[in-house]
Amino acid sequence: MSGHTTEQPDTPEPRTASALPVLDTTPADAPSTPDPGKGRLGSVFWTSVGVSALFVVWAMLFTDSLTKVTNSSLNWVTKSFGWAYLVVTLGLLIFLVFLAFSPAGSMRLGKDHDRPEFSTPSWFAMILSAVMGIGLVSYGVAEPISHFASPPHGLAKPGTPEAAIRAMQYSYFDWGLHAWAIFAVFGLGIAYSTFRKGRRALVSQLFHPLLGERVNGPLGKAIDVLAVFATLFGTTTSLGLGALQVNNGLGSLFGVPVNSVSQVLIIALVTAVFTLSAVTGVSKGIKLLSQGSTILGIALFAFVLVVGPTVFLANLYIESVGTWASDFFRMSLQGTAFGGLQWMQWWTYFMMAWWVSWGAFVGVFLARISRGRTIRGFIMGVLVVPTIVFFTWFTVFGGTAIHVDMFDKGTIAKQTAADINSAFFATLDHFPLATVTSAIAIVLVVMFFVSGADANTYVLSMMTSDGSLDPRRWVLVLWGVLTGVTAIALLLAGGLNALQNTVIVTSAPFLVIIAGLAVSFWKELAGDRRAAELALAQSEFALEPDTAKGEEAIPAGRASTH
């Protein structure tokens, strides 16, 4: 996952420190208002910072205790409520499809006269930049090759053609429609609430239709705190994965030791860079990073597609998509009634939790770039295009690794089993210019690292500053440091396992928030549509001819000329 860049609007924005565009929460027809200021630092800020600091101290000083608690919590959450990740995400997807084809699909994310700020091609490019990043390098090869060596749910024999199909099928499932359904619901809710209703850009404000003014009380603050924690641990997971990837790449190229010391130094360096970026306003640098990472990603993709087994990849793509489509609902609801809990914790539950934890951040971004679009257009664009691109990426990189192991006596699966972070570089080693492509992959991860963390730092600061679009500098620094320190603490407490466990446990309560958000959004849409229909009916009634006098009724508020 990564950061992103948008074209700058004509009017100046309150903040230019991040690649993340800010949200204009003022209704289009509202008069000019004073600058909202730096935001009030209330209970949401102090609670979030305090608990986060305590967590870091706990991880640093009582590592064994943290490991025991997170392991126990993980097992309890996944055994008791793992099914909720499957049911809620599928429910969100069904809700979005229904919404897209309902009459509400023609409503705009903004005022009725608003039109999209960005062209459709530019909009698609920015959507893809929101999440394409560290996760694709970390899992683009690792997930398919792992499933190939150990097929999900025992559906095939390891290393067989059937295992290759199943490997791609489940990779598509983890990175496809379900993930983007979570992001789309958040994006819709935030865009509608801020651009059409003129509310602050806080998760709690999305619940106004259900909770009324209670969103400004303790209940609303609790929702915002949960949003902060979900976003924080989603970010730290990405930082941890990025550090592991960079360390592994530097180890393969330059012999840098692959250990916790190297990873801590990498996180510390990157944290300093993205925090400085967030504070000093080097938006042009972040814009160049985002654009550069996109170009490098496309170049690396094209290189592997050309030098790799192109015909094999095309056939694998077609067969795997067919199997994914035919098994869609079975996969969507396949739980652990007959075992497989550990596999689900490592893959499906972790991936779903990761998407949930990124929901608020990606939602803010999607909302910012989608003002003026119809609900139908937004849903179709956010669900379909990224899914196709992600499927293609996994097929090219994961399918290439599978081909190497099946037909060229490769050992990528064994290397991945020993160290999951070696998968991407192990695949590149089998093709020309391995040193160059590995260096590009490292640079790519670092670019995603910095731009994504910069934007996340801004979102965390905004959410803890009462929705302010221009948070205080020291608040930005504080969240930048806390993000980096938390990632370091989790890596030292147990590496990738600790990162995965924590993101699942901390995202579980937020899953309830997402389900409630969908209900609240639908209630508000239904109410607004009823109000619009009533207003239209009253308008038509006022314009009907007066049969008694044979004249048209004079519309209300209009002076008579008689």
Protein backbone atom coordinates (compact mmCIF):
# COMPACT_ATOMS: atom_id res chain seq x y z
CA MET A 1 0.00 0.00 0.00
CA SER A 2 1.19 3.44 -0.61
CA GLY A 3 0.54 7.11 -0.77
CA HIS A 4 -0.73 9.04 -3.71
CA THR A 5 -0.76 12.32 -5.56
CA THR A 6 -3.47 14.33 -7.18
CA GLU A 7 -3.56 17.22 -9.55
CA GLN A 8 -3.75 20.45 -7.59
CA PRO A 9 -6.99 22.42 -7.77
CA ASP A 10 -6.97 26.04 -8.83
CA THR A 11 -7.68 27.35 -5.33
CA PRO A 12 -5.06 27.11 -2.61
CA GLU A 13 -5.41 24.38 -0.02
CA PRO A 14 -4.89 24.86 3.72
CA ARG A 15 -2.05 22.36 3.81
CA THR A 16 0.57 21.38 1.27
CA ALA A 17 2.82 19.27 3.44
CA SER A 18 1.55 15.96 2.22
CA ALA A 19 0.78 14.20 -0.98
CA LEU A 20 -2.65 13.62 0.54
CA PRO A 21 -5.10 16.21 -0.81
CA VAL A 22 -7.17 17.86 1.87
CA LEU A 23 -10.94 17.69 2.08
CA ASP A 24 -12.99 20.82 1.57
CA THR A 25 -15.80 20.24 4.03
CA THR A 26 -17.67 23.43 3.18
CA PRO A 27 -20.87 22.90 1.16
CA ALA A 28 -20.62 24.23 -2.38
CA ASP A 29 -23.38 26.79 -1.82
CA ALA A 30 -22.19 27.94 1.59
CA PRO A 31 -20.71 31.39 2.14
CA SER A 32 -17.01 31.82 2.77
CA THR A 33 -15.95 30.88 6.27
CA PRO A 34 -12.86 31.72 8.29
CA ASP A 35 -9.92 29.34 8.33
CA PRO A 36 -10.83 26.39 10.58
CA GLY A 37 -7.55 26.70 12.46
CA LYS A 38 -5.40 23.97 13.86
CA GLY A 39 -8.19 21.99 15.46
CA ARG A 40 -9.06 21.40 19.09
CA LEU A 41 -6.98 18.76 20.86
CA GLY A 42 -9.63 17.08 22.95
CA SER A 43 -10.19 13.69 24.49
CA VAL A 44 -9.74 11.86 21.17
CA PHE A 45 -6.18 13.17 20.89
CA TRP A 46 -5.13 12.56 24.48
CA THR A 47 -6.76 9.12 24.67
CA SER A 48 -5.25 7.99 21.37
CA VAL A 49 -1.75 9.25 22.17
CA GLY A 50 -1.84 7.97 25.73
CA VAL A 51 -2.95 4.45 24.88
CA SER A 52 -0.55 4.29 21.91
CA ALA A 53 2.36 5.31 24.15
CA LEU A 54 1.37 2.71 26.75
CA PHE A 55 1.26 0.08 24.01
CA VAL A 56 4.79 0.97 22.90
CA VAL A 57 6.06 0.80 26.50
CA TRP A 58 4.32 -2.55 26.93
CA ALA A 59 5.88 -3.91 23.74
CA MET A 60 9.35 -2.66 24.66
CA LEU A 61 9.48 -3.63 28.33
CA PHE A 62 7.14 -6.60 28.57
CA THR A 63 7.54 -8.29 25.20
CA ASP A 64 6.61 -11.77 26.40
CA SER A 65 3.44 -10.46 28.00
CA LEU A 66 2.46 -8.64 24.79
CA THR A 67 3.08 -11.76 22.73
CA LYS A 68 0.94 -13.91 25.03
CA VAL A 69 -1.91 -11.42 25.12
CA THR A 70 -1.96 -10.79 21.37
CA ASN A 71 -1.77 -14.51 20.60
CA SER A 72 -4.62 -15.28 23.00
CA SER A 73 -6.66 -12.36 21.68
CA LEU A 74 -6.00 -13.40 18.11
CA ASN A 75 -7.17 -16.94 18.72
CA TRP A 76 -10.27 -15.78 20.57
CA VAL A 77 -11.21 -13.15 17.98
CA THR A 78 -10.70 -15.42 14.98
CA LYS A 79 -12.34 -18.49 16.54
CA SER A 80 -15.33 -16.56 17.81
CA PHE A 81 -15.73 -13.80 15.24
CA GLY A 82 -13.56 -14.68 12.25
CA TRP A 83 -16.72 -15.34 10.29
CA ALA A 84 -17.65 -11.67 10.78
CA TYR A 85 -14.83 -10.57 8.46
CA LEU A 86 -16.29 -12.77 5.74
CA VAL A 87 -19.94 -11.85 6.29
CA VAL A 88 -19.39 -8.09 6.69
CA THR A 89 -17.13 -7.70 3.65
CA LEU A 90 -19.46 -9.76 1.45
CA GLY A 91 -22.40 -7.77 2.81
CA LEU A 92 -20.66 -4.51 1.91
CA LEU A 93 -20.02 -5.77 -1.61
CA ILE A 94 -23.66 -6.78 -2.10
CA PHE A 95 -24.79 -3.45 -0.65
CA LEU A 96 -22.61 -1.52 -3.11
CA VAL A 97 -23.84 -3.49 -6.13
CA PHE A 98 -27.45 -2.92 -5.03
CA LEU A 99 -26.76 0.77 -4.46
CA ALA A 100 -25.13 1.19 -7.86
CA PHE A 101 -28.18 -0.12 -9.68
CA SER A 102 -30.75 1.59 -7.44
CA PRO A 103 -32.26 5.03 -8.16
CA ALA A 104 -29.87 6.43 -5.55
CA GLY A 105 -27.00 5.59 -7.89
CA SER A 106 -27.65 8.78 -9.87
CA MET A 107 -27.13 11.02 -6.81
CA ARG A 108 -23.91 13.03 -6.75
CA LEU A 109 -21.18 13.08 -4.14
CA GLY A 110 -21.62 16.77 -3.56
CA LYS A 111 -24.21 19.29 -4.60
CA ASP A 112 -26.42 18.56 -7.60
CA HIS A 113 -24.52 21.07 -9.72
CA ASP A 114 -21.08 19.67 -8.83
CA ARG A 115 -19.15 17.89 -11.57
CA PRO A 116 -15.97 15.77 -11.36
CA GLU A 117 -12.79 17.76 -10.79
CA PHE A 118 -10.59 15.20 -12.55
CA SER A 119 -10.91 13.41 -15.87
CA THR A 120 -11.83 9.73 -15.69
CA PRO A 121 -8.35 8.46 -16.75
CA SER A 122 -6.69 10.70 -14.14
CA TRP A 123 -9.23 9.56 -11.55
CA PHE A 124 -8.46 5.89 -12.25
CA ALA A 125 -4.73 6.55 -12.01
CA MET A 126 -5.15 8.21 -8.62
CA ILE A 127 -7.37 5.41 -7.32
CA LEU A 128 -4.69 2.87 -8.17
CA SER A 129 -2.00 4.96 -6.49
CA ALA A 130 -3.95 4.90 -3.23
CA VAL A 131 -3.13 1.30 -2.35
CA MET A 132 -0.64 -0.03 -4.90
CA GLY A 133 2.58 -0.19 -2.94
CA ILE A 134 4.41 -2.16 -0.29
CA GLY A 135 1.73 -4.85 -0.13
CA LEU A 136 2.11 -5.71 -3.81
CA VAL A 137 5.87 -6.10 -3.51
CA SER A 138 5.53 -8.04 -0.26
CA TYR A 139 2.80 -10.39 -1.47
CA GLY A 140 2.83 -10.19 -5.28
CA VAL A 141 4.99 -13.32 -5.36
CA ALA A 142 4.84 -14.52 -1.75
CA GLU A 143 1.12 -15.27 -1.62
CA PRO A 144 0.71 -17.16 -4.94
CA ILE A 145 3.89 -19.22 -4.46
CA SER A 146 2.94 -20.05 -0.86
CA HIS A 147 -0.49 -21.26 -1.95
CA PHE A 148 1.12 -23.22 -4.79
CA ALA A 149 3.34 -25.08 -2.30
CA SER A 150 0.53 -25.49 0.23
CA PRO A 151 -2.87 -25.16 -1.51
CA PRO A 152 -5.65 -23.47 0.50
CA HIS A 153 -8.04 -25.78 2.35
CA GLY A 154 -6.46 -28.86 0.77
CA LEU A 155 -8.14 -28.17 -2.57
CA ALA A 156 -5.24 -29.53 -4.64
CA LYS A 157 -1.99 -31.45 -4.39
CA PRO A 158 1.06 -29.21 -3.86
CA GLY A 159 3.02 -28.29 -6.96
CA THR A 160 0.39 -29.42 -9.47
CA PRO A 161 -1.36 -27.43 -12.22
CA GLU A 162 -4.52 -27.47 -10.09
CA ALA A 163 -2.50 -25.99 -7.21
CA ALA A 164 -1.33 -23.18 -9.52
CA ILE A 165 -4.93 -22.30 -10.38
CA ARG A 166 -5.99 -22.40 -6.72
CA ALA A 167 -2.99 -20.26 -5.77
CA MET A 168 -4.03 -17.48 -8.12
CA GLN A 169 -7.71 -17.87 -7.26
CA TYR A 170 -7.18 -17.22 -3.55
CA SER A 171 -4.71 -14.42 -4.22
CA TYR A 172 -7.42 -12.75 -6.31
CA PHE A 173 -9.87 -13.24 -3.47
CA ASP A 174 -7.59 -11.62 -0.87
CA TRP A 175 -6.72 -8.61 -3.05
CA GLY A 176 -9.87 -8.13 -5.11
CA LEU A 177 -13.48 -6.98 -4.76
CA HIS A 178 -13.80 -7.49 -1.00
CA ALA A 179 -10.88 -5.16 -0.22
CA TRP A 180 -12.15 -2.45 -2.51
CA ALA A 181 -15.69 -2.78 -1.15
CA ILE A 182 -14.35 -1.70 2.26
CA PHE A 183 -12.58 1.29 0.73
CA ALA A 184 -15.60 2.20 -1.42
CA VAL A 185 -18.03 2.29 1.52
CA PHE A 186 -15.70 4.57 3.46
CA GLY A 187 -15.11 6.79 0.44
CA LEU A 188 -18.82 7.10 -0.27
CA GLY A 189 -19.67 7.87 3.34
CA ILE A 190 -16.95 10.51 3.75
CA ALA A 191 -17.62 12.18 0.38
CA TYR A 192 -21.36 12.37 0.96
CA SER A 193 -21.03 13.58 4.54
CA THR A 194 -18.45 16.27 3.80
CA PHE A 195 -19.38 17.46 0.31
CA ARG A 196 -23.15 17.14 0.38
CA LYS A 197 -23.91 17.61 4.07
CA GLY A 198 -21.03 19.93 5.01
CA ARG A 199 -19.86 18.00 8.07
CA ARG A 200 -16.36 17.66 9.51
CA ALA A 201 -14.11 14.98 8.03
CA LEU A 202 -14.34 12.62 11.00
CA VAL A 203 -15.52 9.01 11.01
CA SER A 204 -17.93 9.78 13.86
CA GLN A 205 -19.73 12.36 11.69
CA LEU A 206 -20.75 9.61 9.26
CA PHE A 207 -23.06 8.24 11.97
CA HIS A 208 -25.15 11.41 12.28
CA PRO A 209 -28.19 9.76 10.63
CA LEU A 210 -28.16 6.99 13.28
CA LEU A 211 -26.90 8.79 16.39
CA GLY A 212 -27.88 12.41 15.82
CA GLU A 213 -26.05 14.87 18.07
CA ARG A 214 -24.60 11.99 20.08
CA VAL A 215 -21.82 11.86 17.45
CA ASN A 216 -20.42 14.94 19.23
CA GLY A 217 -20.47 13.20 22.60
CA PRO A 218 -18.62 10.28 24.21
CA LEU A 219 -19.99 7.73 21.72
CA GLY A 220 -18.75 9.70 18.73
CA LYS A 221 -15.37 10.19 20.35
CA ALA A 222 -15.09 6.45 20.97
CA ILE A 223 -15.72 5.86 17.25
CA ASP A 224 -12.95 8.32 16.34
CA VAL A 225 -10.51 6.69 18.77
CA LEU A 226 -11.20 3.28 17.22
CA ALA A 227 -10.59 4.82 13.78
CA VAL A 228 -7.25 6.19 14.96
CA PHE A 229 -6.10 2.83 16.32
CA ALA A 230 -7.20 0.93 13.21
CA THR A 231 -5.33 3.41 10.99
CA LEU A 232 -2.23 3.44 13.22
CA PHE A 233 -1.79 -0.33 13.24
CA GLY A 234 -2.59 -0.63 9.56
CA THR A 235 0.20 1.88 8.91
CA THR A 236 2.67 0.18 11.25
CA THR A 237 2.02 -3.13 9.50
CA SER A 238 2.90 -1.55 6.16
CA LEU A 239 6.02 0.05 7.67
CA GLY A 240 7.09 -3.28 9.15
CA LEU A 241 6.56 -5.10 5.87
CA GLY A 242 8.46 -2.37 4.04
CA ALA A 243 11.41 -2.64 6.40
CA LEU A 244 11.51 -6.42 5.97
CA GLN A 245 11.42 -6.06 2.19
CA VAL A 246 14.13 -3.39 2.03
CA ASN A 247 16.35 -5.34 4.44
CA ASN A 248 15.98 -8.52 2.38
CA GLY A 249 16.70 -6.69 -0.86
CA LEU A 250 19.79 -4.98 0.56
CA GLY A 251 20.93 -8.34 1.91
CA SER A 252 20.68 -10.01 -1.50
CA LEU A 253 22.43 -7.13 -3.28
CA PHE A 254 25.04 -5.91 -0.81
CA GLY A 255 25.19 -8.53 1.91
CA VAL A 256 23.57 -6.31 4.54
CA PRO A 257 22.65 -8.49 7.55
CA VAL A 258 18.98 -9.46 7.59
CA ASN A 259 18.20 -8.93 11.25
CA SER A 260 16.28 -6.73 13.67
CA VAL A 261 19.09 -4.16 13.96
CA SER A 262 19.01 -3.46 10.21
CA GLN A 263 15.22 -3.31 10.21
CA VAL A 264 15.11 -0.86 13.12
CA LEU A 265 17.62 1.40 11.38
CA ILE A 266 15.58 1.29 8.15
CA ILE A 267 12.36 2.22 9.96
CA ALA A 268 14.12 4.99 11.91
CA LEU A 269 15.56 6.51 8.74
CA VAL A 270 12.30 6.35 6.80
CA THR A 271 10.34 7.69 9.78
CA ALA A 272 12.64 10.71 9.92
CA VAL A 273 12.13 11.32 6.19
CA PHE A 274 8.34 11.05 6.09
CA THR A 275 7.91 13.04 9.31
CA LEU A 276 10.12 15.82 7.93
CA SER A 277 8.08 15.70 4.74
CA ALA A 278 4.81 16.01 6.65
CA VAL A 279 6.07 19.00 8.64
CA THR A 280 8.02 21.04 6.10
CA GLY A 281 5.60 20.89 3.22
CA VAL A 282 7.72 19.29 0.52
CA SER A 283 4.65 18.40 -1.50
CA LYS A 284 6.53 18.57 -4.79
CA GLY A 285 9.00 15.96 -3.56
CA ILE A 286 6.21 13.62 -2.49
CA LYS A 287 4.45 14.21 -5.81
CA LEU A 288 7.60 13.19 -7.65
CA LEU A 289 7.96 10.13 -5.42
CA SER A 290 4.41 9.02 -6.17
CA GLN A 291 4.75 9.58 -9.91
CA GLY A 292 8.18 7.95 -9.93
CA SER A 293 6.93 4.89 -8.07
CA THR A 294 4.14 4.47 -10.61
CA ILE A 295 6.58 4.65 -13.52
CA LEU A 296 9.00 2.22 -11.88
CA GLY A 297 6.17 -0.17 -11.05
CA ILE A 298 4.93 -0.19 -14.64
CA ALA A 299 8.49 -0.67 -15.95
CA LEU A 300 9.15 -3.60 -13.64
CA PHE A 301 5.80 -5.15 -14.54
CA ALA A 302 6.46 -4.79 -18.28
CA PHE A 303 9.97 -6.26 -17.92
CA VAL A 304 8.79 -9.41 -16.14
CA LEU A 305 5.87 -9.80 -18.55
CA VAL A 306 8.21 -9.63 -21.57
CA VAL A 307 11.11 -11.77 -20.31
CA GLY A 308 8.86 -14.14 -18.38
CA PRO A 309 6.57 -16.93 -19.65
CA THR A 310 4.09 -14.61 -21.36
CA VAL A 311 1.89 -17.24 -23.02
CA PHE A 312 1.76 -19.32 -19.83
CA LEU A 313 0.74 -16.24 -17.85
CA ALA A 314 -2.07 -15.40 -20.28
CA ASN A 315 -3.50 -18.92 -20.03
CA LEU A 316 -3.09 -18.96 -16.25
CA TYR A 317 -4.90 -15.64 -16.00
CA ILE A 318 -7.92 -16.85 -17.96
CA GLU A 319 -8.25 -20.16 -16.10
CA SER A 320 -7.72 -18.60 -12.67
CA VAL A 321 -10.27 -15.83 -13.22
CA GLY A 322 -12.79 -18.44 -14.34
CA THR A 323 -12.23 -20.53 -11.21
CA TRP A 324 -12.36 -17.44 -9.01
CA ALA A 325 -15.68 -16.39 -10.56
CA SER A 326 -17.29 -19.81 -10.32
CA ASP A 327 -16.20 -20.25 -6.67
CA PHE A 328 -16.82 -16.67 -5.61
CA PHE A 329 -19.54 -17.16 -3.02
CA ARG A 330 -18.04 -20.37 -1.66
CA MET A 331 -14.73 -18.58 -1.01
CA SER A 332 -16.52 -15.56 0.40
CA LEU A 333 -18.16 -17.63 3.12
CA GLN A 334 -15.62 -20.39 3.70
CA GLY A 335 -14.79 -20.33 7.41
CA THR A 336 -13.08 -22.63 9.89
CA ALA A 337 -15.86 -24.96 11.05
CA PHE A 338 -13.72 -27.97 10.06
CA GLY A 339 -10.26 -26.57 10.75
CA GLY A 340 -7.82 -24.34 8.91
CA LEU A 341 -7.81 -21.56 11.51
CA GLN A 342 -4.07 -20.96 11.34
CA TRP A 343 -4.13 -20.69 7.55
CA MET A 344 -6.99 -18.16 7.74
CA GLN A 345 -5.10 -16.15 10.37
CA TRP A 346 -2.05 -15.96 8.12
CA TRP A 347 -3.96 -15.11 4.97
CA THR A 348 -7.67 -14.30 4.60
CA TYR A 349 -8.37 -12.95 8.10
CA PHE A 350 -5.13 -10.95 8.09
CA MET A 351 -5.82 -9.48 4.65
CA MET A 352 -9.40 -8.53 5.55
CA ALA A 353 -8.21 -6.94 8.81
CA TRP A 354 -5.52 -5.03 6.94
CA TRP A 355 -8.09 -3.61 4.51
CA VAL A 356 -10.37 -2.67 7.41
CA SER A 357 -7.52 -0.85 9.14
CA TRP A 358 -6.80 1.14 5.97
CA GLY A 359 -10.47 1.99 5.38
CA ALA A 360 -10.51 5.44 6.96
CA PHE A 361 -7.27 6.56 5.31
CA VAL A 362 -8.13 5.34 1.80
CA GLY A 363 -11.69 6.61 2.27
CA VAL A 364 -10.44 10.17 2.88
CA PHE A 365 -8.35 9.96 -0.28
CA LEU A 366 -11.11 8.49 -2.46
CA ALA A 367 -13.55 11.09 -1.19
CA ARG A 368 -11.18 13.95 -1.99
CA ILE A 369 -10.72 12.95 -5.62
CA SER A 370 -14.36 11.97 -6.28
CA ARG A 371 -16.38 15.08 -5.54
CA GLY A 372 -19.05 15.57 -8.19
CA ARG A 373 -19.16 11.96 -9.38
CA THR A 374 -22.35 9.97 -9.18
CA ILE A 375 -22.64 7.19 -6.63
CA ARG A 376 -23.00 4.68 -9.46
CA GLY A 377 -19.90 5.90 -11.27
CA PHE A 378 -17.89 5.93 -8.06
CA ILE A 379 -18.82 2.36 -7.15
CA MET A 380 -18.13 0.93 -10.60
CA GLY A 381 -14.80 2.74 -10.87
CA VAL A 382 -13.53 1.87 -7.40
CA LEU A 383 -14.57 -1.79 -7.52
CA VAL A 384 -13.82 -2.88 -11.07
CA VAL A 385 -10.68 -1.14 -12.35
CA PRO A 386 -8.40 -1.71 -9.32
CA THR A 387 -9.52 -5.32 -9.09
CA ILE A 388 -8.51 -5.99 -12.70
CA VAL A 389 -5.14 -4.29 -12.19
CA PHE A 390 -4.40 -6.23 -9.00
CA PHE A 391 -5.36 -9.53 -10.65
CA THR A 392 -2.97 -8.77 -13.50
CA TRP A 393 -0.09 -7.84 -11.18
CA PHE A 394 -0.43 -11.03 -9.14
CA THR A 395 -0.69 -13.15 -12.27
CA VAL A 396 2.48 -11.73 -13.82
CA PHE A 397 4.70 -11.88 -10.73
CA GLY A 398 3.15 -14.81 -8.88
CA GLY A 399 2.53 -16.77 -12.07
CA THR A 400 6.14 -16.26 -13.16
CA ALA A 401 7.40 -17.67 -9.84
CA ILE A 402 5.08 -20.67 -10.19
CA HIS A 403 6.36 -21.29 -13.72
CA VAL A 404 9.99 -21.18 -12.52
CA ASP A 405 9.31 -23.78 -9.83
CA MET A 406 7.16 -26.03 -12.04
CA PHE A 407 9.23 -26.08 -15.22
CA ASP A 408 12.69 -24.68 -14.44
CA LYS A 409 13.45 -26.59 -11.24
CA GLY A 410 13.34 -23.41 -9.18
CA THR A 411 13.28 -23.23 -5.40
CA ILE A 412 11.30 -20.03 -4.91
CA ALA A 413 8.66 -21.80 -2.83
CA LYS A 414 11.32 -23.22 -0.48
CA GLN A 415 13.01 -19.83 -0.15
CA THR A 416 9.65 -18.22 0.57
CA ALA A 417 8.84 -20.82 3.24
CA ALA A 418 12.17 -20.00 4.92
CA ASP A 419 11.68 -16.23 4.63
CA ILE A 420 8.50 -14.89 3.08
CA ASN A 421 10.18 -11.55 2.37
CA SER A 422 12.66 -13.16 -0.03
CA ALA A 423 10.01 -14.23 -2.56
CA PHE A 424 10.06 -11.16 -4.81
CA PHE A 425 13.85 -10.96 -5.05
CA ALA A 426 14.19 -14.72 -5.47
CA THR A 427 11.95 -14.48 -8.54
CA LEU A 428 13.89 -11.60 -10.08
CA ASP A 429 17.12 -13.61 -9.65
CA HIS A 430 15.95 -16.02 -12.37
CA PHE A 431 15.90 -13.38 -15.09
CA PRO A 432 18.39 -11.05 -16.81
CA LEU A 433 19.53 -7.85 -15.10
CA ALA A 434 18.63 -9.28 -11.68
CA THR A 435 20.82 -6.75 -9.87
CA VAL A 436 19.17 -3.83 -11.67
CA THR A 437 15.61 -5.09 -11.19
CA SER A 438 16.24 -5.89 -7.52
CA ALA A 439 17.60 -2.39 -7.00
CA ILE A 440 14.50 -0.98 -8.70
CA ALA A 441 12.30 -3.07 -6.41
CA ILE A 442 14.09 -1.69 -3.34
CA VAL A 443 13.74 1.89 -4.57
CA LEU A 444 10.08 1.19 -5.31
CA VAL A 445 9.43 -0.01 -1.76
CA VAL A 446 11.21 3.00 -0.27
CA MET A 447 9.13 5.36 -2.42
CA PHE A 448 5.91 3.68 -1.30
CA PHE A 449 7.29 3.70 2.23
CA VAL A 450 7.78 7.46 2.40
CA SER A 451 4.78 8.73 0.43
CA GLY A 452 2.32 6.37 2.12
CA ALA A 453 3.54 7.04 5.66
CA ASP A 454 3.52 10.80 5.05
CA ALA A 455 -0.12 10.73 4.05
CA ASN A 456 -1.07 8.43 6.93
CA THR A 457 0.65 10.77 9.39
CA TYR A 458 -1.51 13.60 8.12
CA VAL A 459 -4.73 11.55 8.42
CA LEU A 460 -3.90 10.50 12.00
CA SER A 461 -3.17 14.13 12.89
CA MET A 462 -6.39 15.30 11.25
CA MET A 463 -8.53 12.71 13.04
CA THR A 464 -7.08 13.69 16.42
CA SER A 465 -7.37 17.44 15.77
CA ASP A 466 -11.16 17.56 15.55
CA GLY A 467 -11.07 17.10 11.78
CA SER A 468 -8.80 20.10 11.17
CA LEU A 469 -7.40 20.30 7.66
CA ASP A 470 -4.26 22.00 8.97
CA PRO A 471 -3.03 20.14 12.07
CA ARG A 472 -0.31 21.59 14.28
CA ARG A 473 3.24 20.74 13.26
CA TRP A 474 4.10 19.18 16.59
CA VAL A 475 1.04 16.94 16.28
CA LEU A 476 2.30 15.77 12.88
CA VAL A 477 5.74 15.10 14.36
CA LEU A 478 4.23 13.23 17.31
CA TRP A 479 2.19 10.89 15.12
CA GLY A 480 5.10 10.36 12.76
CA VAL A 481 7.33 9.33 15.64
CA LEU A 482 4.63 7.21 17.28
CA THR A 483 4.00 5.38 14.00
CA GLY A 484 7.68 4.57 13.53
CA VAL A 485 8.24 3.60 17.17
CA THR A 486 5.17 1.35 17.17
CA ALA A 487 6.38 -0.43 14.03
CA ILE A 488 9.80 -0.95 15.65
CA ALA A 489 8.22 -2.23 18.87
CA LEU A 490 6.11 -4.77 17.01
CA LEU A 491 9.02 -5.97 14.88
CA LEU A 492 11.16 -6.51 17.98
CA ALA A 493 8.25 -8.21 19.74
CA GLY A 494 7.82 -10.86 17.07
CA GLY A 495 8.42 -9.64 13.53
CA LEU A 496 5.82 -10.31 10.86
CA ASN A 497 3.81 -12.54 13.19
CA ALA A 498 3.40 -9.72 15.72
CA LEU A 499 2.39 -7.29 12.96
CA GLN A 500 -0.26 -9.66 11.65
CA ASN A 501 -1.64 -10.55 15.07
CA THR A 502 -1.93 -6.93 16.17
CA VAL A 503 -3.65 -5.68 13.03
CA ILE A 504 -6.28 -8.44 13.26
CA VAL A 505 -6.99 -7.82 16.96
CA THR A 506 -7.10 -4.01 16.72
CA SER A 507 -9.24 -3.96 13.56
CA ALA A 508 -11.92 -6.29 14.93
CA PRO A 509 -13.93 -3.57 16.77
CA PHE A 510 -13.65 -1.34 13.72
CA LEU A 511 -15.40 -4.01 11.67
CA VAL A 512 -18.56 -3.14 13.60
CA ILE A 513 -18.00 0.53 12.75
CA ILE A 514 -17.86 -0.27 9.02
CA ALA A 515 -21.09 -2.27 9.13
CA GLY A 516 -22.79 0.56 11.02
CA LEU A 517 -21.45 3.08 8.53
CA ALA A 518 -23.15 1.27 5.65
CA VAL A 519 -26.48 1.26 7.54
CA SER A 520 -26.12 4.94 8.43
CA PHE A 521 -25.25 5.88 4.86
CA TRP A 522 -28.24 4.03 3.45
CA LYS A 523 -30.56 5.67 6.00
CA GLU A 524 -29.30 9.11 5.03
CA LEU A 525 -29.62 8.40 1.31
CA ALA A 526 -33.18 7.15 1.75
CA GLY A 527 -34.12 10.21 3.80
CA ASP A 528 -32.60 12.61 1.31
CA ARG A 529 -34.36 10.91 -1.59
CA ARG A 530 -37.70 11.12 0.20
CA ALA A 531 -37.09 14.81 0.92
CA ALA A 532 -36.18 15.44 -2.73
CA GLU A 533 -39.28 13.63 -3.98
CA LEU A 534 -41.48 15.57 -1.56
CA ALA A 535 -39.94 18.87 -2.67
CA LEU A 536 -40.50 17.94 -6.31
CA ALA A 537 -44.11 16.98 -5.65
CA GLN A 538 -44.74 20.27 -3.84
CA SER A 539 -43.13 22.19 -6.69
CA GLU A 540 -45.28 20.47 -9.28
CA PHE A 541 -48.38 21.08 -7.18
CA ALA A 542 -47.55 24.78 -6.88
CA LEU A 543 -47.22 25.05 -10.68
CA GLU A 544 -50.53 23.29 -11.48
CA PRO A 545 -53.16 25.57 -13.13
CA ASP A 546 -55.88 26.94 -10.90
CA THR A 547 -58.93 25.25 -12.42
CA ALA A 548 -61.31 27.58 -10.61
CA LYS A 549 -59.81 30.73 -12.12
CA GLY A 550 -58.37 29.25 -15.29
CA GLU A 551 -54.96 30.66 -14.42
CA GLU A 552 -51.62 29.19 -13.40
CA ALA A 553 -50.86 29.44 -9.70
CA ILE A 554 -48.15 31.92 -8.92
CA PRO A 555 -45.11 30.09 -7.51
CA ALA A 556 -44.38 30.92 -3.89
CA GLY A 557 -42.02 33.83 -3.33
CA ARG A 558 -42.68 35.36 -6.76
CA ALA A 559 -44.10 38.90 -6.95
CA SER A 560 -47.35 39.33 -8.83
CA THR A 561 -47.41 41.64 -11.84
CA HIS A 562 -51.19 42.03 -11.81
